[in-house]
Amino acid sequence: MKCTQATQLLSQKMERHLSTKEHVSLKLHTAMCPACRRFGEQMEQLRGISKTFVSQPDNNPSATDEKSH
């Protein structure tokens, strides 16, 4: 697996369940490639930050719009 394929799968992993073949290939690649492993860690961190940001009432645009009406 090339790094471009690995980073695509790491991104897709956030949106969908990977097949067993994709999961195993990605695990093998990230075990050997520190750059892709770090990319995956950063994707997870960004996802966590985004969820935290969206879950805060002051940062939810629809909640703010409802309060101002």
PDB file of N, CA and C in Angstrom:
ATOM      1  N   MET A   1       0.843  -1.173   0.000  1.00  0.00           N
ATOM      2  CA  MET A   1       0.000   0.000   0.000  1.00  0.00           C
ATOM      3  C   MET A   1       0.893   1.243   0.000  1.00  0.00           C
ATOM      4  N   LYS A   2       0.540   2.201  -0.816  1.00  0.00           N
ATOM      5  CA  LYS A   2       1.260   3.472  -0.866  1.00  0.00           C
ATOM      6  C   LYS A   2       0.686   4.435   0.163  1.00  0.00           C
ATOM      7  N   CYS A   3       1.474   5.423   0.503  1.00  0.00           N
ATOM      8  CA  CYS A   3       1.038   6.422   1.490  1.00  0.00           C
ATOM      9  C   CYS A   3      -0.227   7.148   1.047  1.00  0.00           C
ATOM     10  N   THR A   4      -0.354   7.420  -0.247  1.00  0.00           N
ATOM     11  CA  THR A   4      -1.566   8.115  -0.716  1.00  0.00           C
ATOM     12  C   THR A   4      -2.807   7.266  -0.460  1.00  0.00           C
ATOM     13  N   GLN A   5      -2.690   5.963  -0.667  1.00  0.00           N
ATOM     14  CA  GLN A   5      -3.823   5.070  -0.398  1.00  0.00           C
ATOM     15  C   GLN A   5      -4.109   5.015   1.101  1.00  0.00           C
ATOM     16  N   ALA A   6      -3.048   4.963   1.898  1.00  0.00           N
ATOM     17  CA  ALA A   6      -3.216   4.893   3.357  1.00  0.00           C
ATOM     18  C   ALA A   6      -3.904   6.146   3.884  1.00  0.00           C
ATOM     19  N   THR A   7      -3.483   7.312   3.419  1.00  0.00           N
ATOM     20  CA  THR A   7      -4.103   8.543   3.919  1.00  0.00           C
ATOM     21  C   THR A   7      -5.561   8.649   3.469  1.00  0.00           C
ATOM     22  N   GLN A   8      -5.865   8.151   2.285  1.00  0.00           N
ATOM     23  CA  GLN A   8      -7.262   8.134   1.846  1.00  0.00           C
ATOM     24  C   GLN A   8      -8.102   7.248   2.756  1.00  0.00           C
ATOM     25  N   LEU A   9      -7.573   6.070   3.075  1.00  0.00           N
ATOM     26  CA  LEU A   9      -8.308   5.163   3.955  1.00  0.00           C
ATOM     27  C   LEU A   9      -8.432   5.733   5.368  1.00  0.00           C
ATOM     28  N   LEU A  10      -7.388   6.400   5.831  1.00  0.00           N
ATOM     29  CA  LEU A  10      -7.464   7.018   7.158  1.00  0.00           C
ATOM     30  C   LEU A  10      -8.564   8.074   7.196  1.00  0.00           C
ATOM     31  N   SER A  11      -8.711   8.815   6.126  1.00  0.00           N
ATOM     32  CA  SER A  11      -9.785   9.810   6.044  1.00  0.00           C
ATOM     33  C   SER A  11     -11.149   9.133   5.944  1.00  0.00           C
ATOM     34  N   GLN A  12     -11.246   8.116   5.105  1.00  0.00           N
ATOM     35  CA  GLN A  12     -12.514   7.410   4.919  1.00  0.00           C
ATOM     36  C   GLN A  12     -12.943   6.687   6.189  1.00  0.00           C
ATOM     37  N   LYS A  13     -11.969   6.264   6.973  1.00  0.00           N
ATOM     38  CA  LYS A  13     -12.254   5.556   8.231  1.00  0.00           C
ATOM     39  C   LYS A  13     -13.108   6.412   9.163  1.00  0.00           C
ATOM     40  N   MET A  14     -13.018   7.719   9.025  1.00  0.00           N
ATOM     41  CA  MET A  14     -13.818   8.621   9.850  1.00  0.00           C
ATOM     42  C   MET A  14     -15.282   8.624   9.434  1.00  0.00           C
ATOM     43  N   GLU A  15     -15.544   8.239   8.190  1.00  0.00           N
ATOM     44  CA  GLU A  15     -16.890   8.337   7.626  1.00  0.00           C
ATOM     45  C   GLU A  15     -17.599   6.995   7.462  1.00  0.00           C
ATOM     46  N   ARG A  16     -16.814   5.934   7.360  1.00  0.00           N
ATOM     47  CA  ARG A  16     -17.428   4.631   7.088  1.00  0.00           C
ATOM     48  C   ARG A  16     -16.608   3.514   7.720  1.00  0.00           C
ATOM     49  N   HIS A  17     -17.217   2.334   7.790  1.00  0.00           N
ATOM     50  CA  HIS A  17     -16.539   1.150   8.305  1.00  0.00           C
ATOM     51  C   HIS A  17     -15.677   0.569   7.186  1.00  0.00           C
ATOM     52  N   LEU A  18     -14.401   0.357   7.457  1.00  0.00           N
ATOM     53  CA  LEU A  18     -13.514  -0.225   6.455  1.00  0.00           C
ATOM     54  C   LEU A  18     -13.732  -1.731   6.368  1.00  0.00           C
ATOM     55  N   SER A  19     -13.528  -2.272   5.179  1.00  0.00           N
ATOM     56  CA  SER A  19     -13.605  -3.727   5.017  1.00  0.00           C
ATOM     57  C   SER A  19     -12.438  -4.357   5.781  1.00  0.00           C
ATOM     58  N   THR A  20     -12.533  -5.641   6.011  1.00  0.00           N
ATOM     59  CA  THR A  20     -11.464  -6.343   6.720  1.00  0.00           C
ATOM     60  C   THR A  20     -10.151  -6.203   5.970  1.00  0.00           C
ATOM     61  N   LYS A  21     -10.182  -6.342   4.667  1.00  0.00           N
ATOM     62  CA  LYS A  21      -8.965  -6.213   3.848  1.00  0.00           C
ATOM     63  C   LYS A  21      -8.367  -4.811   3.980  1.00  0.00           C
ATOM     64  N   GLU A  22      -9.222  -3.789   3.898  1.00  0.00           N
ATOM     65  CA  GLU A  22      -8.738  -2.410   4.037  1.00  0.00           C
ATOM     66  C   GLU A  22      -8.143  -2.182   5.424  1.00  0.00           C
ATOM     67  N   HIS A  23      -8.836  -2.678   6.438  1.00  0.00           N
ATOM     68  CA  HIS A  23      -8.391  -2.492   7.819  1.00  0.00           C
ATOM     69  C   HIS A  23      -7.022  -3.146   8.051  1.00  0.00           C
ATOM     70  N   VAL A  24      -6.864  -4.378   7.597  1.00  0.00           N
ATOM     71  CA  VAL A  24      -5.606  -5.098   7.777  1.00  0.00           C
ATOM     72  C   VAL A  24      -4.483  -4.419   6.996  1.00  0.00           C
ATOM     73  N   SER A  25      -4.746  -4.036   5.770  1.00  0.00           N
ATOM     74  CA  SER A  25      -3.731  -3.360   4.955  1.00  0.00           C
ATOM     75  C   SER A  25      -3.305  -2.043   5.591  1.00  0.00           C
ATOM     76  N   LEU A  26      -4.272  -1.309   6.100  1.00  0.00           N
ATOM     77  CA  LEU A  26      -3.980  -0.026   6.731  1.00  0.00           C
ATOM     78  C   LEU A  26      -3.186  -0.224   8.020  1.00  0.00           C
ATOM     79  N   LYS A  27      -3.567  -1.199   8.822  1.00  0.00           N
ATOM     80  CA  LYS A  27      -2.826  -1.495  10.058  1.00  0.00           C
ATOM     81  C   LYS A  27      -1.376  -1.857   9.748  1.00  0.00           C
ATOM     82  N   LEU A  28      -1.175  -2.677   8.744  1.00  0.00           N
ATOM     83  CA  LEU A  28       0.169  -3.096   8.359  1.00  0.00           C
ATOM     84  C   LEU A  28       0.987  -1.895   7.886  1.00  0.00           C
ATOM     85  N   HIS A  29       0.380  -1.070   7.047  1.00  0.00           N
ATOM     86  CA  HIS A  29       1.089   0.101   6.526  1.00  0.00           C
ATOM     87  C   HIS A  29       1.456   1.076   7.649  1.00  0.00           C
ATOM     88  N   THR A  30       0.497   1.379   8.515  1.00  0.00           N
ATOM     89  CA  THR A  30       0.776   2.352   9.575  1.00  0.00           C
ATOM     90  C   THR A  30       1.748   1.801  10.615  1.00  0.00           C
ATOM     91  N   ALA A  31       1.844   0.492  10.720  1.00  0.00           N
ATOM     92  CA  ALA A  31       2.832  -0.100  11.624  1.00  0.00           C
ATOM     93  C   ALA A  31       4.253   0.148  11.120  1.00  0.00           C
ATOM     94  N   MET A  32       4.394   0.266   9.806  1.00  0.00           N
ATOM     95  CA  MET A  32       5.715   0.445   9.206  1.00  0.00           C
ATOM     96  C   MET A  32       6.019   1.887   8.805  1.00  0.00           C
ATOM     97  N   CYS A  33       4.990   2.730   8.722  1.00  0.00           N
ATOM     98  CA  CYS A  33       5.179   4.085   8.202  1.00  0.00           C
ATOM     99  C   CYS A  33       4.846   5.128   9.275  1.00  0.00           C
ATOM    100  N   PRO A  34       5.858   5.734   9.868  1.00  0.00           N
ATOM    101  CA  PRO A  34       5.598   6.718  10.924  1.00  0.00           C
ATOM    102  C   PRO A  34       4.824   7.952  10.441  1.00  0.00           C
ATOM    103  N   ALA A  35       5.013   8.352   9.202  1.00  0.00           N
ATOM    104  CA  ALA A  35       4.308   9.536   8.691  1.00  0.00           C
ATOM    105  C   ALA A  35       2.799   9.277   8.607  1.00  0.00           C
ATOM    106  N   CYS A  36       2.429   8.134   8.098  1.00  0.00           N
ATOM    107  CA  CYS A  36       1.002   7.807   7.994  1.00  0.00           C
ATOM    108  C   CYS A  36       0.403   7.529   9.371  1.00  0.00           C
ATOM    109  N   ARG A  37       1.187   6.921  10.240  1.00  0.00           N
ATOM    110  CA  ARG A  37       0.723   6.685  11.605  1.00  0.00           C
ATOM    111  C   ARG A  37       0.420   8.024  12.277  1.00  0.00           C
ATOM    112  N   ARG A  38       1.307   8.989  12.104  1.00  0.00           N
ATOM    113  CA  ARG A  38       1.106  10.326  12.689  1.00  0.00           C
ATOM    114  C   ARG A  38      -0.106  11.011  12.062  1.00  0.00           C
ATOM    115  N   PHE A  39      -0.277  10.861  10.760  1.00  0.00           N
ATOM    116  CA  PHE A  39      -1.441  11.434  10.083  1.00  0.00           C
ATOM    117  C   PHE A  39      -2.728  10.874  10.693  1.00  0.00           C
ATOM    118  N   GLY A  40      -2.761   9.565  10.924  1.00  0.00           N
ATOM    119  CA  GLY A  40      -3.934   8.940  11.531  1.00  0.00           C
ATOM    120  C   GLY A  40      -4.200   9.469  12.927  1.00  0.00           C
ATOM    121  N   GLU A  41      -3.133   9.655  13.695  1.00  0.00           N
ATOM    122  CA  GLU A  41      -3.281  10.210  15.045  1.00  0.00           C
ATOM    123  C   GLU A  41      -3.830  11.633  14.982  1.00  0.00           C
ATOM    124  N   GLN A  42      -3.344  12.413  14.035  1.00  0.00           N
ATOM    125  CA  GLN A  42      -3.821  13.790  13.890  1.00  0.00           C
ATOM    126  C   GLN A  42      -5.284  13.824  13.461  1.00  0.00           C
ATOM    127  N   MET A  43      -5.693  12.894  12.603  1.00  0.00           N
ATOM    128  CA  MET A  43      -7.099  12.824  12.186  1.00  0.00           C
ATOM    129  C   MET A  43      -7.993  12.540  13.388  1.00  0.00           C
ATOM    130  N   GLU A  44      -7.555  11.624  14.238  1.00  0.00           N
ATOM    131  CA  GLU A  44      -8.326  11.292  15.438  1.00  0.00           C
ATOM    132  C   GLU A  44      -8.414  12.497  16.378  1.00  0.00           C
ATOM    133  N   GLN A  45      -7.310  13.213  16.529  1.00  0.00           N
ATOM    134  CA  GLN A  45      -7.302  14.396  17.394  1.00  0.00           C
ATOM    135  C   GLN A  45      -8.248  15.469  16.859  1.00  0.00           C
ATOM    136  N   LEU A  46      -8.196  15.714  15.559  1.00  0.00           N
ATOM    137  CA  LEU A  46      -9.088  16.711  14.955  1.00  0.00           C
ATOM    138  C   LEU A  46     -10.553  16.316  15.112  1.00  0.00           C
ATOM    139  N   ARG A  47     -10.822  15.041  14.966  1.00  0.00           N
ATOM    140  CA  ARG A  47     -12.195  14.570  15.133  1.00  0.00           C
ATOM    141  C   ARG A  47     -12.672  14.819  16.564  1.00  0.00           C
ATOM    142  N   GLY A  48     -11.820  14.534  17.525  1.00  0.00           N
ATOM    143  CA  GLY A  48     -12.173  14.771  18.925  1.00  0.00           C
ATOM    144  C   GLY A  48     -12.391  16.240  19.221  1.00  0.00           C
ATOM    145  N   ILE A  49     -11.521  17.083  18.696  1.00  0.00           N
ATOM    146  CA  ILE A  49     -11.653  18.527  18.895  1.00  0.00           C
ATOM    147  C   ILE A  49     -12.946  19.029  18.256  1.00  0.00           C
ATOM    148  N   SER A  50     -13.235  18.561  17.068  1.00  0.00           N
ATOM    149  CA  SER A  50     -14.457  18.982  16.373  1.00  0.00           C
ATOM    150  C   SER A  50     -15.704  18.585  17.151  1.00  0.00           C
ATOM    151  N   LYS A  51     -15.726  17.351  17.657  1.00  0.00           N
ATOM    152  CA  LYS A  51     -16.882  16.902  18.432  1.00  0.00           C
ATOM    153  C   LYS A  51     -17.054  17.733  19.686  1.00  0.00           C
ATOM    154  N   THR A  52     -15.950  18.058  20.347  1.00  0.00           N
ATOM    155  CA  THR A  52     -16.006  18.882  21.555  1.00  0.00           C
ATOM    156  C   THR A  52     -16.530  20.272  21.217  1.00  0.00           C
ATOM    157  N   PHE A  53     -16.043  20.849  20.144  1.00  0.00           N
ATOM    158  CA  PHE A  53     -16.447  22.194  19.739  1.00  0.00           C
ATOM    159  C   PHE A  53     -17.936  22.239  19.408  1.00  0.00           C
ATOM    160  N   VAL A  54     -18.404  21.272  18.638  1.00  0.00           N
ATOM    161  CA  VAL A  54     -19.807  21.246  18.217  1.00  0.00           C
ATOM    162  C   VAL A  54     -20.732  20.983  19.404  1.00  0.00           C
ATOM    163  N   SER A  55     -20.276  20.214  20.380  1.00  0.00           N
ATOM    164  CA  SER A  55     -21.144  19.877  21.509  1.00  0.00           C
ATOM    165  C   SER A  55     -21.313  21.023  22.498  1.00  0.00           C
ATOM    166  N   GLN A  56     -20.496  22.051  22.383  1.00  0.00           N
ATOM    167  CA  GLN A  56     -20.623  23.201  23.278  1.00  0.00           C
ATOM    168  C   GLN A  56     -21.750  24.107  22.794  1.00  0.00           C
ATOM    169  N   PRO A  57     -22.708  24.448  23.659  1.00  0.00           N
ATOM    170  CA  PRO A  57     -23.876  25.229  23.244  1.00  0.00           C
ATOM    171  C   PRO A  57     -23.523  26.563  22.582  1.00  0.00           C
ATOM    172  N   ASP A  58     -22.493  27.224  23.037  1.00  0.00           N
ATOM    173  CA  ASP A  58     -22.130  28.522  22.472  1.00  0.00           C
ATOM    174  C   ASP A  58     -21.602  28.422  21.047  1.00  0.00           C
ATOM    175  N   ASN A  59     -21.217  27.220  20.608  1.00  0.00           N
ATOM    176  CA  ASN A  59     -20.635  27.044  19.284  1.00  0.00           C
ATOM    177  C   ASN A  59     -21.585  26.400  18.294  1.00  0.00           C
ATOM    178  N   ASN A  60     -22.818  26.206  18.664  1.00  0.00           N
ATOM    179  CA  ASN A  60     -23.802  25.590  17.798  1.00  0.00           C
ATOM    180  C   ASN A  60     -24.595  26.700  17.114  1.00  0.00           C
ATOM    181  N   PRO A  61     -24.331  26.947  15.806  1.00  0.00           N
ATOM    182  CA  PRO A  61     -25.001  28.059  15.107  1.00  0.00           C
ATOM    183  C   PRO A  61     -26.521  27.975  15.136  1.00  0.00           C
ATOM    184  N   SER A  62     -27.096  26.800  15.032  1.00  0.00           N
ATOM    185  CA  SER A  62     -28.548  26.702  15.028  1.00  0.00           C
ATOM    186  C   SER A  62     -29.127  27.072  16.405  1.00  0.00           C
ATOM    187  N   ALA A  63     -28.428  26.719  17.458  1.00  0.00           N
ATOM    188  CA  ALA A  63     -28.896  27.087  18.795  1.00  0.00           C
ATOM    189  C   ALA A  63     -28.805  28.598  18.989  1.00  0.00           C
ATOM    190  N   THR A  64     -27.755  29.210  18.470  1.00  0.00           N
ATOM    191  CA  THR A  64     -27.590  30.662  18.568  1.00  0.00           C
ATOM    192  C   THR A  64     -28.688  31.384  17.796  1.00  0.00           C
ATOM    193  N   ASP A  65     -29.002  30.878  16.596  1.00  0.00           N
ATOM    194  CA  ASP A  65     -30.056  31.488  15.786  1.00  0.00           C
ATOM    195  C   ASP A  65     -31.405  31.428  16.498  1.00  0.00           C
ATOM    196  N   GLU A  66     -31.694  30.313  17.161  1.00  0.00           N
ATOM    197  CA  GLU A  66     -32.958  30.168  17.846  1.00  0.00           C
ATOM    198  C   GLU A  66     -33.056  31.119  19.023  1.00  0.00           C
ATOM    199  N   LYS A  67     -31.937  31.358  19.714  1.00  0.00           N
ATOM    200  CA  LYS A  67     -31.938  32.252  20.863  1.00  0.00           C
ATOM    201  C   LYS A  67     -32.152  33.697  20.459  1.00  0.00           C
ATOM    202  N   SER A  68     -31.692  34.060  19.270  1.00  0.00           N
ATOM    203  CA  SER A  68     -31.787  35.457  18.860  1.00  0.00           C
ATOM    204  C   SER A  68     -33.165  35.822  18.314  1.00  0.00           C
ATOM    205  N   HIS A  69     -34.038  34.831  18.103  1.00  0.00           N
ATOM    206  CA  HIS A  69     -35.377  35.128  17.573  1.00  0.00           C
ATOM    207  C   HIS A  69     -36.376  35.316  18.664  1.00  0.00           C
TER     208      HIS A  69
END
